[in-house]
């Protein structure tokens, strides 16, 4: 063995620490997955609204429209 080589004890400790961290990390992730998603706070069960979609000519410059309402829209296009 050369002077600059790492001793067997050091390698053993590093491998043991690597295994321990891997097992703890895997256990933590599996615990979080089994817990399930956290529910959204104070979200309404059902809501309705009005959505308007206007398709314009790409050669025309659209006029900006401002509104005070904010929200989240999910738009799903399904092919027949």
N, C-alpha and C. Protein backbone atom coordinates (compact mmCIF):
# COMPACT_ATOMS: atom_id res chain seq x y z
N UNK A 1 0.83 -1.18 0.00
CA UNK A 1 0.00 0.00 0.00
C UNK A 1 0.88 1.25 0.00
N UNK A 2 0.50 2.20 -0.80
CA UNK A 2 1.24 3.46 -0.84
C UNK A 2 0.80 4.35 0.32
N UNK A 3 1.57 5.38 0.58
CA UNK A 3 1.26 6.28 1.69
C UNK A 3 -0.05 7.04 1.51
N UNK A 4 -0.39 7.36 0.27
CA UNK A 4 -1.57 8.19 0.00
C UNK A 4 -2.85 7.39 -0.11
N UNK A 5 -2.81 6.06 0.00
CA UNK A 5 -4.02 5.24 -0.10
C UNK A 5 -4.90 5.42 1.12
N UNK A 6 -6.21 5.24 0.91
CA UNK A 6 -7.18 5.34 2.00
C UNK A 6 -7.22 3.99 2.71
N UNK A 7 -7.29 4.01 4.03
CA UNK A 7 -7.29 2.76 4.79
C UNK A 7 -8.61 2.02 4.62
N UNK A 8 -8.58 0.74 4.90
CA UNK A 8 -9.79 -0.08 4.80
C UNK A 8 -10.86 0.38 5.78
N UNK A 9 -10.45 0.82 6.94
CA UNK A 9 -11.42 1.29 7.94
C UNK A 9 -12.17 2.52 7.43
N UNK A 10 -11.46 3.43 6.78
CA UNK A 10 -12.11 4.63 6.24
C UNK A 10 -13.10 4.25 5.15
N UNK A 11 -12.73 3.35 4.26
CA UNK A 11 -13.64 2.91 3.20
C UNK A 11 -14.85 2.22 3.81
N UNK A 12 -14.64 1.38 4.82
CA UNK A 12 -15.76 0.71 5.48
C UNK A 12 -16.74 1.72 6.08
N UNK A 13 -16.21 2.73 6.75
CA UNK A 13 -17.06 3.75 7.36
C UNK A 13 -17.82 4.52 6.29
N UNK A 14 -17.18 4.88 5.19
CA UNK A 14 -17.85 5.61 4.12
C UNK A 14 -18.96 4.77 3.47
N UNK A 15 -18.70 3.49 3.26
CA UNK A 15 -19.72 2.60 2.68
C UNK A 15 -20.88 2.44 3.66
N UNK A 16 -20.59 2.28 4.95
CA UNK A 16 -21.66 2.14 5.94
C UNK A 16 -22.51 3.41 6.01
N UNK A 17 -21.87 4.58 5.97
CA UNK A 17 -22.63 5.84 5.99
C UNK A 17 -23.48 6.00 4.72
N UNK A 18 -22.94 5.59 3.59
CA UNK A 18 -23.70 5.66 2.34
C UNK A 18 -24.93 4.77 2.41
N UNK A 19 -24.78 3.56 2.90
CA UNK A 19 -25.93 2.67 3.04
C UNK A 19 -26.95 3.21 4.02
N UNK A 20 -26.50 3.75 5.13
CA UNK A 20 -27.41 4.30 6.13
C UNK A 20 -28.20 5.48 5.57
N UNK A 21 -27.52 6.38 4.88
CA UNK A 21 -28.21 7.54 4.29
C UNK A 21 -29.18 7.08 3.21
N UNK A 22 -28.82 6.09 2.41
CA UNK A 22 -29.72 5.58 1.38
C UNK A 22 -30.97 4.96 1.98
N UNK A 23 -30.80 4.17 3.02
CA UNK A 23 -31.96 3.54 3.66
C UNK A 23 -32.86 4.59 4.30
N UNK A 24 -32.27 5.55 5.00
CA UNK A 24 -33.08 6.61 5.63
C UNK A 24 -33.80 7.47 4.59
N UNK A 25 -33.13 7.78 3.50
CA UNK A 25 -33.77 8.56 2.44
C UNK A 25 -34.91 7.82 1.80
N UNK A 26 -34.71 6.53 1.51
CA UNK A 26 -35.78 5.72 0.93
C UNK A 26 -36.96 5.60 1.88
N UNK A 27 -36.69 5.40 3.15
CA UNK A 27 -37.77 5.29 4.14
C UNK A 27 -38.55 6.60 4.23
N UNK A 28 -37.86 7.73 4.20
CA UNK A 28 -38.53 9.04 4.27
C UNK A 28 -39.43 9.25 3.06
N UNK A 29 -38.93 8.95 1.87
CA UNK A 29 -39.73 9.13 0.65
C UNK A 29 -40.95 8.22 0.66
N UNK A 30 -40.77 6.96 1.03
CA UNK A 30 -41.91 6.03 1.06
C UNK A 30 -42.94 6.44 2.10
N UNK A 31 -42.50 7.00 3.22
CA UNK A 31 -43.44 7.48 4.23
C UNK A 31 -44.27 8.63 3.69
N UNK A 32 -43.64 9.54 2.97
CA UNK A 32 -44.36 10.68 2.39
C UNK A 32 -45.34 10.23 1.31
N UNK A 33 -44.95 9.23 0.51
CA UNK A 33 -45.84 8.73 -0.54
C UNK A 33 -47.05 8.06 0.09
N UNK A 34 -46.86 7.26 1.13
CA UNK A 34 -47.96 6.57 1.78
C UNK A 34 -48.90 7.52 2.51
N UNK A 35 -48.40 8.69 2.90
CA UNK A 35 -49.24 9.67 3.60
C UNK A 35 -50.27 10.27 2.67
N UNK A 36 -50.00 10.28 1.37
CA UNK A 36 -50.94 10.83 0.39
C UNK A 36 -50.79 12.33 0.27
N UNK A 37 -51.49 12.90 -0.70
CA UNK A 37 -51.39 14.35 -0.91
C UNK A 37 -52.09 15.12 0.20
N UNK A 38 -51.58 16.30 0.48
CA UNK A 38 -52.22 17.14 1.48
C UNK A 38 -53.39 17.86 0.83
N UNK A 39 -54.52 17.95 1.50
CA UNK A 39 -55.69 18.62 0.90
C UNK A 39 -55.45 20.11 0.79
N UNK A 40 -56.05 20.69 -0.23
CA UNK A 40 -55.95 22.14 -0.42
C UNK A 40 -56.81 22.84 0.64
N UNK A 41 -56.30 23.88 1.27
CA UNK A 41 -57.06 24.54 2.33
C UNK A 41 -58.18 25.42 1.77
N UNK A 42 -59.36 25.25 2.34
CA UNK A 42 -60.52 26.11 2.05
C UNK A 42 -60.84 26.23 0.56
N UNK A 43 -60.75 25.14 -0.16
CA UNK A 43 -61.10 25.16 -1.57
C UNK A 43 -62.55 24.73 -1.73
N UNK A 44 -63.32 25.44 -2.57
CA UNK A 44 -64.71 25.04 -2.77
C UNK A 44 -64.78 23.69 -3.49
N UNK A 45 -65.83 22.94 -3.17
CA UNK A 45 -65.99 21.63 -3.77
C UNK A 45 -66.40 21.74 -5.24
N UNK A 46 -67.23 22.71 -5.56
CA UNK A 46 -67.67 22.89 -6.94
C UNK A 46 -67.86 24.38 -7.20
N UNK A 47 -67.57 24.79 -8.39
CA UNK A 47 -67.75 26.18 -8.76
C UNK A 47 -68.13 26.25 -10.22
N UNK A 48 -68.71 27.35 -10.59
CA UNK A 48 -69.05 27.53 -12.00
C UNK A 48 -68.67 28.94 -12.41
N UNK A 49 -68.55 29.13 -13.69
CA UNK A 49 -68.18 30.44 -14.19
C UNK A 49 -68.44 30.52 -15.68
N UNK A 50 -68.07 31.64 -16.24
CA UNK A 50 -68.28 31.87 -17.66
C UNK A 50 -66.93 32.06 -18.32
N UNK A 51 -66.69 31.34 -19.40
CA UNK A 51 -65.44 31.46 -20.14
C UNK A 51 -65.77 31.80 -21.57
N UNK A 52 -65.05 32.78 -22.11
CA UNK A 52 -65.26 33.16 -23.50
C UNK A 52 -63.94 32.99 -24.23
N UNK A 53 -63.99 32.33 -25.37
CA UNK A 53 -62.81 32.11 -26.19
C UNK A 53 -63.04 32.77 -27.53
N UNK A 54 -62.16 33.68 -27.90
CA UNK A 54 -62.27 34.36 -29.18
C UNK A 54 -61.03 34.03 -29.99
N UNK A 55 -61.25 33.54 -31.20
CA UNK A 55 -60.16 33.23 -32.09
C UNK A 55 -60.06 34.37 -33.09
N UNK A 56 -58.90 34.99 -33.16
CA UNK A 56 -58.74 36.16 -34.03
C UNK A 56 -57.81 35.83 -35.18
N UNK A 57 -57.85 36.67 -36.17
CA UNK A 57 -56.97 36.55 -37.32
C UNK A 57 -55.55 36.83 -36.85
N UNK A 58 -54.57 35.96 -37.16
CA UNK A 58 -53.21 36.20 -36.67
C UNK A 58 -52.58 37.46 -37.24
N UNK A 59 -53.14 38.00 -38.33
CA UNK A 59 -52.59 39.22 -38.91
C UNK A 59 -53.08 40.47 -38.19
N UNK A 60 -54.14 40.35 -37.40
CA UNK A 60 -54.66 41.49 -36.65
C UNK A 60 -53.99 41.54 -35.28
N UNK A 61 -53.74 42.75 -34.80
CA UNK A 61 -53.15 42.92 -33.48
C UNK A 61 -54.28 43.01 -32.46
N UNK A 62 -54.34 42.11 -31.47
CA UNK A 62 -55.44 42.14 -30.50
C UNK A 62 -55.31 43.34 -29.55
N UNK A 63 -56.47 43.83 -29.11
CA UNK A 63 -56.52 44.91 -28.15
C UNK A 63 -56.41 44.34 -26.75
N UNK A 64 -55.56 44.89 -25.89
CA UNK A 64 -55.44 44.37 -24.53
C UNK A 64 -56.70 44.60 -23.72
N UNK A 65 -57.05 43.63 -22.91
CA UNK A 65 -58.22 43.71 -22.05
C UNK A 65 -57.76 43.48 -20.62
N UNK A 66 -58.17 44.33 -19.70
CA UNK A 66 -57.80 44.15 -18.31
C UNK A 66 -59.00 43.71 -17.50
N UNK A 67 -58.75 42.93 -16.48
CA UNK A 67 -59.82 42.46 -15.60
C UNK A 67 -59.27 42.35 -14.19
N UNK A 68 -60.17 42.42 -13.23
CA UNK A 68 -59.77 42.33 -11.83
C UNK A 68 -59.86 40.90 -11.32
N UNK A 69 -60.48 40.01 -12.07
CA UNK A 69 -60.67 38.63 -11.62
C UNK A 69 -59.42 37.81 -11.91
N UNK A 70 -59.13 36.90 -11.01
CA UNK A 70 -58.04 35.96 -11.22
C UNK A 70 -58.57 34.56 -10.96
N UNK A 71 -57.87 33.58 -11.46
CA UNK A 71 -58.31 32.21 -11.22
C UNK A 71 -57.42 31.23 -11.95
N UNK A 72 -57.87 30.00 -11.95
CA UNK A 72 -57.13 28.92 -12.59
C UNK A 72 -58.06 28.23 -13.57
N UNK A 73 -57.56 28.01 -14.78
CA UNK A 73 -58.36 27.38 -15.82
C UNK A 73 -57.62 26.15 -16.32
N UNK A 74 -58.35 25.07 -16.45
CA UNK A 74 -57.80 23.85 -17.04
C UNK A 74 -58.52 23.65 -18.36
N UNK A 75 -57.77 23.59 -19.43
CA UNK A 75 -58.34 23.47 -20.77
C UNK A 75 -57.81 22.20 -21.39
N UNK A 76 -58.70 21.26 -21.70
CA UNK A 76 -58.31 19.97 -22.23
C UNK A 76 -58.94 19.79 -23.61
N UNK A 77 -58.11 19.60 -24.64
CA UNK A 77 -58.59 19.39 -25.99
C UNK A 77 -58.46 17.91 -26.30
N UNK A 78 -59.59 17.28 -26.60
CA UNK A 78 -59.59 15.85 -26.89
C UNK A 78 -59.91 15.63 -28.35
N UNK A 79 -59.15 14.77 -28.99
CA UNK A 79 -59.41 14.43 -30.38
C UNK A 79 -60.47 13.35 -30.45
N UNK A 80 -61.28 13.41 -31.49
CA UNK A 80 -62.32 12.39 -31.65
C UNK A 80 -61.76 11.16 -32.26
